[in-house]
Amino acid sequence: MTIDTSLIDLTEKPPSVEDYLRLRREGGLSAFSPDAVEIGLKGTLFAVTLYCEGEAIGMGRIVGDGGCFVQIVDIAVDPRFRGQGLGKLMMSSLMNWAKRELPETAFLSLLADVPANKLYEQFGFTETAPASLGMSCRIARC
């Protein structure tokens, strides 16, 4: 679906719990419980949500301690609206905030799904391997 970009409203706030769950599901990202999302959204340092005619169609957040370690998470675009530069629009907003608000020495990281890594490379992100590897563990499986 091609969209008229004048219909896109970028807000500097996280999505609702319901929109967050829907965008992650439709975007093919891993699931969380509504309770976990409610807690997690409160830990947001900065977020953007894209709306088209009142419907949330994209999101992205920055979380962390605000000084030393911060992470970009939850970059998701509704599949109906992909391929139109909306991921880049959100990343630009997130990166502008990070450069304006975070110390220059802050370590900004993200986990990239392929092929989204190509988007993040445009903003200066590089793979850390072999010097370091990203690792994760869901609490229920640790």
Protein backbone atom coordinates (compact mmCIF):
# COMPACT_ATOMS: atom_id res chain seq x y z
CA MET A 1 0.00 0.00 0.00
CA THR A 2 1.48 3.33 -1.03
CA ILE A 3 0.77 6.04 1.46
CA ASP A 4 0.46 9.78 1.16
CA THR A 5 3.15 10.91 3.61
CA SER A 6 1.07 13.96 4.51
CA LEU A 7 -1.23 11.50 6.31
CA ILE A 8 1.60 10.35 8.60
CA ASP A 9 1.77 11.82 12.09
CA LEU A 10 4.97 11.13 14.05
CA THR A 11 4.42 11.55 17.78
CA GLU A 12 7.18 11.54 20.37
CA LYS A 13 5.56 9.08 22.74
CA PRO A 14 5.28 5.32 23.11
CA PRO A 15 2.27 3.51 21.69
CA SER A 16 -0.53 2.18 23.86
CA VAL A 17 -0.11 -1.33 25.25
CA GLU A 18 -2.63 -2.60 22.69
CA ASP A 19 -0.89 -0.93 19.75
CA TYR A 20 2.51 -2.13 20.99
CA LEU A 21 1.32 -5.74 21.14
CA ARG A 22 -0.31 -5.49 17.70
CA LEU A 23 2.67 -3.83 15.99
CA ARG A 24 5.09 -6.42 17.41
CA ARG A 25 2.81 -9.28 16.34
CA GLU A 26 2.17 -7.90 12.84
CA GLY A 27 5.83 -6.95 12.49
CA GLY A 28 6.95 -10.50 13.21
CA LEU A 29 8.68 -9.59 16.48
CA SER A 30 8.63 -11.74 19.62
CA ALA A 31 5.64 -11.59 21.94
CA PHE A 32 5.34 -10.22 25.47
CA SER A 33 2.50 -10.33 27.98
CA PRO A 34 0.36 -7.20 28.37
CA ASP A 35 1.60 -6.89 31.97
CA ALA A 36 5.23 -6.97 30.83
CA VAL A 37 4.51 -4.34 28.17
CA GLU A 38 2.86 -2.02 30.66
CA ILE A 39 5.93 -2.20 32.90
CA GLY A 40 8.35 -1.96 29.98
CA LEU A 41 6.79 1.11 28.38
CA LYS A 42 7.30 3.00 31.66
CA GLY A 43 11.06 2.50 31.23
CA THR A 44 11.14 4.36 27.93
CA LEU A 45 13.66 7.20 27.66
CA PHE A 46 12.30 8.34 24.29
CA ALA A 47 9.85 6.89 21.80
CA VAL A 48 8.16 7.60 18.52
CA THR A 49 4.89 6.26 17.24
CA LEU A 50 3.67 6.75 13.68
CA TYR A 51 -0.03 7.18 13.04
CA CYS A 52 -1.95 7.16 9.78
CA GLU A 53 -5.46 8.52 10.09
CA GLY A 54 -5.46 7.70 13.82
CA GLU A 55 -4.11 4.15 13.48
CA ALA A 56 -0.69 3.29 14.92
CA ILE A 57 1.42 1.97 12.02
CA GLY A 58 4.96 2.16 13.41
CA MET A 59 6.97 2.51 16.59
CA GLY A 60 10.47 2.69 18.00
CA ARG A 61 11.92 3.30 21.47
CA ILE A 62 15.12 4.08 23.32
CA VAL A 63 15.56 2.45 26.72
CA GLY A 64 18.43 2.29 29.20
CA ASP A 65 20.12 4.19 31.99
CA GLY A 66 20.33 7.46 30.06
CA GLY A 67 24.05 7.90 30.58
CA CYS A 68 26.24 4.91 29.90
CA PHE A 69 24.12 2.26 28.21
CA VAL A 70 21.10 2.79 26.00
CA GLN A 71 19.44 0.57 23.44
CA ILE A 72 17.15 1.12 20.49
CA VAL A 73 14.30 -1.38 20.62
CA ASP A 74 10.88 -2.12 19.15
CA ILE A 75 11.45 -0.79 15.64
CA ALA A 76 8.35 -2.05 13.90
CA VAL A 77 6.33 -0.93 10.88
CA ASP A 78 2.96 -2.40 9.98
CA PRO A 79 3.68 -4.68 6.96
CA ARG A 80 1.09 -2.80 4.86
CA PHE A 81 3.28 0.32 5.07
CA ARG A 82 6.78 -1.10 4.68
CA GLY A 83 9.19 -0.01 1.98
CA GLN A 84 8.19 3.65 2.13
CA GLY A 85 10.93 5.04 4.35
CA LEU A 86 8.98 4.94 7.61
CA GLY A 87 11.66 2.94 9.43
CA LYS A 88 14.20 5.55 8.35
CA LEU A 89 11.89 8.34 9.51
CA MET A 90 11.61 6.79 12.97
CA MET A 91 15.33 6.05 13.22
CA SER A 92 16.13 9.65 12.27
CA SER A 93 13.93 10.90 15.09
CA LEU A 94 15.42 8.45 17.60
CA MET A 95 18.98 9.29 16.58
CA ASN A 96 18.34 13.04 16.68
CA TRP A 97 17.11 12.69 20.25
CA ALA A 98 20.06 10.48 21.21
CA LYS A 99 22.61 12.92 19.79
CA ARG A 100 20.90 15.85 21.49
CA GLU A 101 20.22 14.28 24.91
CA LEU A 102 22.80 11.57 25.60
CA PRO A 103 26.43 12.00 26.62
CA GLU A 104 28.88 11.60 23.74
CA THR A 105 30.38 8.58 25.49
CA ALA A 106 27.06 6.73 25.81
CA PHE A 107 27.08 3.20 24.35
CA LEU A 108 24.07 2.98 22.00
CA SER A 109 23.25 -0.53 20.87
CA LEU A 110 20.54 -2.51 19.12
CA LEU A 111 19.83 -6.03 17.94
CA ALA A 112 19.24 -6.05 14.20
CA ASP A 113 17.14 -8.54 12.31
CA VAL A 114 18.36 -9.14 8.77
CA PRO A 115 17.77 -7.28 6.43
CA ALA A 116 16.98 -4.36 8.80
CA ASN A 117 20.70 -4.20 9.61
CA LYS A 118 21.09 -2.29 6.32
CA LEU A 119 18.84 0.47 7.70
CA TYR A 120 20.82 0.72 10.93
CA GLU A 121 24.14 0.87 9.06
CA GLN A 122 22.90 4.12 7.50
CA PHE A 123 22.92 5.61 11.02
CA GLY A 124 26.46 4.50 11.88
CA PHE A 125 25.77 1.15 13.54
CA THR A 126 28.31 -1.60 12.85
CA GLU A 127 28.46 -5.28 13.72
CA THR A 128 30.47 -5.96 16.85
CA ALA A 129 31.63 -9.49 15.98
CA PRO A 130 34.15 -10.96 16.36
CA ALA A 131 35.20 -8.66 19.21
CA SER A 132 31.87 -9.18 20.96
CA LEU A 133 28.63 -11.03 20.34
CA GLY A 134 25.11 -10.06 21.34
CA MET A 135 23.58 -12.60 23.68
CA SER A 136 20.09 -12.92 25.11
CA CYS A 137 18.03 -15.10 27.41
CA ARG A 138 14.30 -15.04 28.13
CA ILE A 139 13.85 -15.21 31.90
CA ALA A 140 11.66 -18.32 31.64
CA ARG A 141 14.52 -20.15 29.86
CA CYS A 142 17.56 -18.87 31.80
